[in-house]
């Protein structure tokens, strides 16, 4: 089967767009997770000793 010349390029661009979208969604989640870990570590370090 022969495909039109632009089909492969359009498909590759779609895959790239989906990948970058998913990557962009994951970055804030990872950043928030790291920040939460830092806050917990800071609380542990500054907690008064009993």
PDB file of N, CA and C in Angstrom:
ATOM      1  N   UNK A   1       0.840  -1.184   0.000  1.00  0.00           N
ATOM      2  CA  UNK A   1       0.000   0.000   0.000  1.00  0.00           C
ATOM      3  C   UNK A   1       0.881   1.243   0.000  1.00  0.00           C
ATOM      4  N   UNK A   2       0.549   2.186  -0.812  1.00  0.00           N
ATOM      5  CA  UNK A   2       1.304   3.432  -0.903  1.00  0.00           C
ATOM      6  C   UNK A   2       0.567   4.503  -0.111  1.00  0.00           C
ATOM      7  N   UNK A   3       1.322   5.244   0.711  1.00  0.00           N
ATOM      8  CA  UNK A   3       0.698   6.293   1.515  1.00  0.00           C
ATOM      9  C   UNK A   3       1.068   7.656   0.945  1.00  0.00           C
ATOM     10  N   UNK A   4       0.232   8.634   1.146  1.00  0.00           N
ATOM     11  CA  UNK A   4       0.574   9.984   0.701  1.00  0.00           C
ATOM     12  C   UNK A   4       1.863  10.461   1.368  1.00  0.00           C
ATOM     13  N   UNK A   5       2.568  11.332   0.708  1.00  0.00           N
ATOM     14  CA  UNK A   5       3.892  11.759   1.158  1.00  0.00           C
ATOM     15  C   UNK A   5       3.888  12.374   2.553  1.00  0.00           C
ATOM     16  N   UNK A   6       2.880  13.144   2.914  1.00  0.00           N
ATOM     17  CA  UNK A   6       2.874  13.830   4.206  1.00  0.00           C
ATOM     18  C   UNK A   6       2.368  13.004   5.368  1.00  0.00           C
ATOM     19  N   UNK A   7       1.862  11.813   5.108  1.00  0.00           N
ATOM     20  CA  UNK A   7       1.246  11.017   6.176  1.00  0.00           C
ATOM     21  C   UNK A   7       2.248  10.613   7.247  1.00  0.00           C
ATOM     22  N   UNK A   8       3.396  10.116   6.862  1.00  0.00           N
ATOM     23  CA  UNK A   8       4.390   9.674   7.838  1.00  0.00           C
ATOM     24  C   UNK A   8       4.862  10.849   8.685  1.00  0.00           C
ATOM     25  N   UNK A   9       5.055  11.967   8.075  1.00  0.00           N
ATOM     26  CA  UNK A   9       5.510  13.147   8.795  1.00  0.00           C
ATOM     27  C   UNK A   9       4.453  13.604   9.795  1.00  0.00           C
ATOM     28  N   UNK A  10       3.193  13.612   9.399  1.00  0.00           N
ATOM     29  CA  UNK A  10       2.105  14.016  10.285  1.00  0.00           C
ATOM     30  C   UNK A  10       1.998  13.060  11.459  1.00  0.00           C
ATOM     31  N   UNK A  11       2.157  11.780  11.186  1.00  0.00           N
ATOM     32  CA  UNK A  11       2.093  10.777  12.243  1.00  0.00           C
ATOM     33  C   UNK A  11       3.238  10.967  13.234  1.00  0.00           C
ATOM     34  N   UNK A  12       4.431  11.217  12.739  1.00  0.00           N
ATOM     35  CA  UNK A  12       5.586  11.430  13.613  1.00  0.00           C
ATOM     36  C   UNK A  12       5.385  12.679  14.459  1.00  0.00           C
ATOM     37  N   UNK A  13       4.818  13.730  13.874  1.00  0.00           N
ATOM     38  CA  UNK A  13       4.567  14.946  14.636  1.00  0.00           C
ATOM     39  C   UNK A  13       3.533  14.711  15.723  1.00  0.00           C
ATOM     40  N   UNK A  14       2.522  13.902  15.436  1.00  0.00           N
ATOM     41  CA  UNK A  14       1.504  13.588  16.430  1.00  0.00           C
ATOM     42  C   UNK A  14       2.122  12.830  17.601  1.00  0.00           C
ATOM     43  N   UNK A  15       2.949  11.849  17.304  1.00  0.00           N
ATOM     44  CA  UNK A  15       3.608  11.081  18.357  1.00  0.00           C
ATOM     45  C   UNK A  15       4.488  12.003  19.195  1.00  0.00           C
ATOM     46  N   UNK A  16       5.231  12.882  18.554  1.00  0.00           N
ATOM     47  CA  UNK A  16       6.090  13.824  19.278  1.00  0.00           C
ATOM     48  C   UNK A  16       5.253  14.735  20.169  1.00  0.00           C
ATOM     49  N   UNK A  17       4.133  15.226  19.649  1.00  0.00           N
ATOM     50  CA  UNK A  17       3.260  16.113  20.410  1.00  0.00           C
ATOM     51  C   UNK A  17       2.701  15.402  21.647  1.00  0.00           C
ATOM     52  N   UNK A  18       2.258  14.147  21.469  1.00  0.00           N
ATOM     53  CA  UNK A  18       1.731  13.381  22.602  1.00  0.00           C
ATOM     54  C   UNK A  18       2.822  13.165  23.638  1.00  0.00           C
ATOM     55  N   UNK A  19       4.021  12.795  23.201  1.00  0.00           N
ATOM     56  CA  UNK A  19       5.124  12.563  24.119  1.00  0.00           C
ATOM     57  C   UNK A  19       5.450  13.825  24.911  1.00  0.00           C
ATOM     58  N   UNK A  20       5.558  14.966  24.220  1.00  0.00           N
ATOM     59  CA  UNK A  20       5.902  16.212  24.902  1.00  0.00           C
ATOM     60  C   UNK A  20       4.792  16.651  25.848  1.00  0.00           C
ATOM     61  N   UNK A  21       3.546  16.404  25.472  1.00  0.00           N
ATOM     62  CA  UNK A  21       2.433  16.747  26.352  1.00  0.00           C
ATOM     63  C   UNK A  21       2.497  15.927  27.629  1.00  0.00           C
ATOM     64  N   UNK A  22       2.719  14.634  27.493  1.00  0.00           N
ATOM     65  CA  UNK A  22       2.816  13.768  28.676  1.00  0.00           C
ATOM     66  C   UNK A  22       4.018  14.159  29.524  1.00  0.00           C
ATOM     67  N   UNK A  23       5.120  14.512  28.891  1.00  0.00           N
ATOM     68  CA  UNK A  23       6.310  14.936  29.618  1.00  0.00           C
ATOM     69  C   UNK A  23       6.023  16.213  30.398  1.00  0.00           C
ATOM     70  N   UNK A  24       5.341  17.156  29.773  1.00  0.00           N
ATOM     71  CA  UNK A  24       5.013  18.418  30.438  1.00  0.00           C
ATOM     72  C   UNK A  24       4.076  18.184  31.617  1.00  0.00           C
ATOM     73  N   UNK A  25       3.189  17.227  31.511  1.00  0.00           N
ATOM     74  CA  UNK A  25       2.289  16.915  32.620  1.00  0.00           C
ATOM     75  C   UNK A  25       3.054  16.282  33.778  1.00  0.00           C
ATOM     76  N   UNK A  26       4.076  15.506  33.479  1.00  0.00           N
ATOM     77  CA  UNK A  26       4.821  14.797  34.514  1.00  0.00           C
ATOM     78  C   UNK A  26       5.780  15.721  35.266  1.00  0.00           C
ATOM     79  N   UNK A  27       6.297  16.741  34.627  1.00  0.00           N
ATOM     80  CA  UNK A  27       7.297  17.607  35.254  1.00  0.00           C
ATOM     81  C   UNK A  27       6.751  18.298  36.497  1.00  0.00           C
ATOM     82  N   UNK A  28       5.588  18.963  36.458  1.00  0.00           N
ATOM     83  CA  UNK A  28       5.098  19.595  37.678  1.00  0.00           C
ATOM     84  C   UNK A  28       4.844  18.592  38.802  1.00  0.00           C
ATOM     85  N   UNK A  29       4.337  17.403  38.473  1.00  0.00           N
ATOM     86  CA  UNK A  29       4.075  16.394  39.493  1.00  0.00           C
ATOM     87  C   UNK A  29       5.375  15.978  40.174  1.00  0.00           C
ATOM     88  N   UNK A  30       6.420  15.774  39.406  1.00  0.00           N
ATOM     89  CA  UNK A  30       7.712  15.391  39.974  1.00  0.00           C
ATOM     90  C   UNK A  30       8.267  16.517  40.829  1.00  0.00           C
ATOM     91  N   UNK A  31       8.095  17.744  40.389  1.00  0.00           N
ATOM     92  CA  UNK A  31       8.584  18.900  41.135  1.00  0.00           C
ATOM     93  C   UNK A  31       7.856  19.018  42.462  1.00  0.00           C
ATOM     94  N   UNK A  32       6.542  18.854  42.452  1.00  0.00           N
ATOM     95  CA  UNK A  32       5.749  18.922  43.678  1.00  0.00           C
ATOM     96  C   UNK A  32       6.169  17.806  44.625  1.00  0.00           C
ATOM     97  N   UNK A  33       6.406  16.620  44.087  1.00  0.00           N
ATOM     98  CA  UNK A  33       6.818  15.487  44.907  1.00  0.00           C
ATOM     99  C   UNK A  33       8.160  15.762  45.582  1.00  0.00           C
ATOM    100  N   UNK A  34       9.121  16.292  44.821  1.00  0.00           N
ATOM    101  CA  UNK A  34      10.434  16.615  45.397  1.00  0.00           C
ATOM    102  C   UNK A  34      10.303  17.678  46.484  1.00  0.00           C
ATOM    103  N   UNK A  35       9.451  18.672  46.249  1.00  0.00           N
ATOM    104  CA  UNK A  35       9.253  19.730  47.233  1.00  0.00           C
ATOM    105  C   UNK A  35       8.656  19.166  48.517  1.00  0.00           C
ATOM    106  N   UNK A  36       7.709  18.254  48.399  1.00  0.00           N
ATOM    107  CA  UNK A  36       7.100  17.628  49.578  1.00  0.00           C
ATOM    108  C   UNK A  36       8.138  16.827  50.358  1.00  0.00           C
ATOM    109  N   UNK A  37       9.016  16.130  49.655  1.00  0.00           N
ATOM    110  CA  UNK A  37      10.077  15.371  50.332  1.00  0.00           C
ATOM    111  C   UNK A  37      11.007  16.326  51.073  1.00  0.00           C
ATOM    112  N   UNK A  38      11.379  17.426  50.419  1.00  0.00           N
ATOM    113  CA  UNK A  38      12.250  18.412  51.071  1.00  0.00           C
ATOM    114  C   UNK A  38      11.612  18.984  52.324  1.00  0.00           C
ATOM    115  N   UNK A  39      10.318  19.313  52.240  1.00  0.00           N
ATOM    116  CA  UNK A  39       9.623  19.863  53.401  1.00  0.00           C
ATOM    117  C   UNK A  39       9.595  18.861  54.541  1.00  0.00           C
ATOM    118  N   UNK A  40       9.338  17.605  54.230  1.00  0.00           N
ATOM    119  CA  UNK A  40       9.305  16.568  55.268  1.00  0.00           C
ATOM    120  C   UNK A  40      10.690  16.411  55.896  1.00  0.00           C
ATOM    121  N   UNK A  41      11.728  16.425  55.088  1.00  0.00           N
ATOM    122  CA  UNK A  41      13.083  16.322  55.634  1.00  0.00           C
ATOM    123  C   UNK A  41      13.400  17.528  56.510  1.00  0.00           C
ATOM    124  N   UNK A  42      12.977  18.702  56.081  1.00  0.00           N
ATOM    125  CA  UNK A  42      13.231  19.912  56.859  1.00  0.00           C
ATOM    126  C   UNK A  42      12.498  19.842  58.199  1.00  0.00           C
ATOM    127  N   UNK A  43      11.279  19.348  58.208  1.00  0.00           N
ATOM    128  CA  UNK A  43      10.516  19.215  59.444  1.00  0.00           C
ATOM    129  C   UNK A  43      11.204  18.225  60.375  1.00  0.00           C
ATOM    130  N   UNK A  44      11.736  17.155  59.813  1.00  0.00           N
ATOM    131  CA  UNK A  44      12.435  16.153  60.614  1.00  0.00           C
ATOM    132  C   UNK A  44      13.685  16.749  61.235  1.00  0.00           C
ATOM    133  N   UNK A  45      14.400  17.553  60.473  1.00  0.00           N
ATOM    134  CA  UNK A  45      15.649  18.151  60.968  1.00  0.00           C
ATOM    135  C   UNK A  45      15.393  19.232  62.017  1.00  0.00           C
ATOM    136  N   UNK A  46      14.267  19.910  61.932  1.00  0.00           N
ATOM    137  CA  UNK A  46      14.009  21.024  62.841  1.00  0.00           C
ATOM    138  C   UNK A  46      13.044  20.640  63.976  1.00  0.00           C
ATOM    139  N   UNK A  47      12.610  19.388  64.032  1.00  0.00           N
ATOM    140  CA  UNK A  47      11.681  18.957  65.088  1.00  0.00           C
ATOM    141  C   UNK A  47      12.412  18.977  66.429  1.00  0.00           C
ATOM    142  N   UNK A  48      11.741  19.476  67.461  1.00  0.00           N
ATOM    143  CA  UNK A  48      12.376  19.510  68.784  1.00  0.00           C
ATOM    144  C   UNK A  48      12.603  18.092  69.324  1.00  0.00           C
ATOM    145  N   UNK A  49      13.709  17.910  69.977  1.00  0.00           N
ATOM    146  CA  UNK A  49      14.014  16.614  70.586  1.00  0.00           C
ATOM    147  C   UNK A  49      13.311  16.535  71.929  1.00  0.00           C
ATOM    148  N   UNK A  50      12.709  15.407  72.217  1.00  0.00           N
ATOM    149  CA  UNK A  50      11.996  15.254  73.480  1.00  0.00           C
ATOM    150  C   UNK A  50      12.781  14.388  74.430  1.00  0.00           C
TER     151      UNK A  50
END
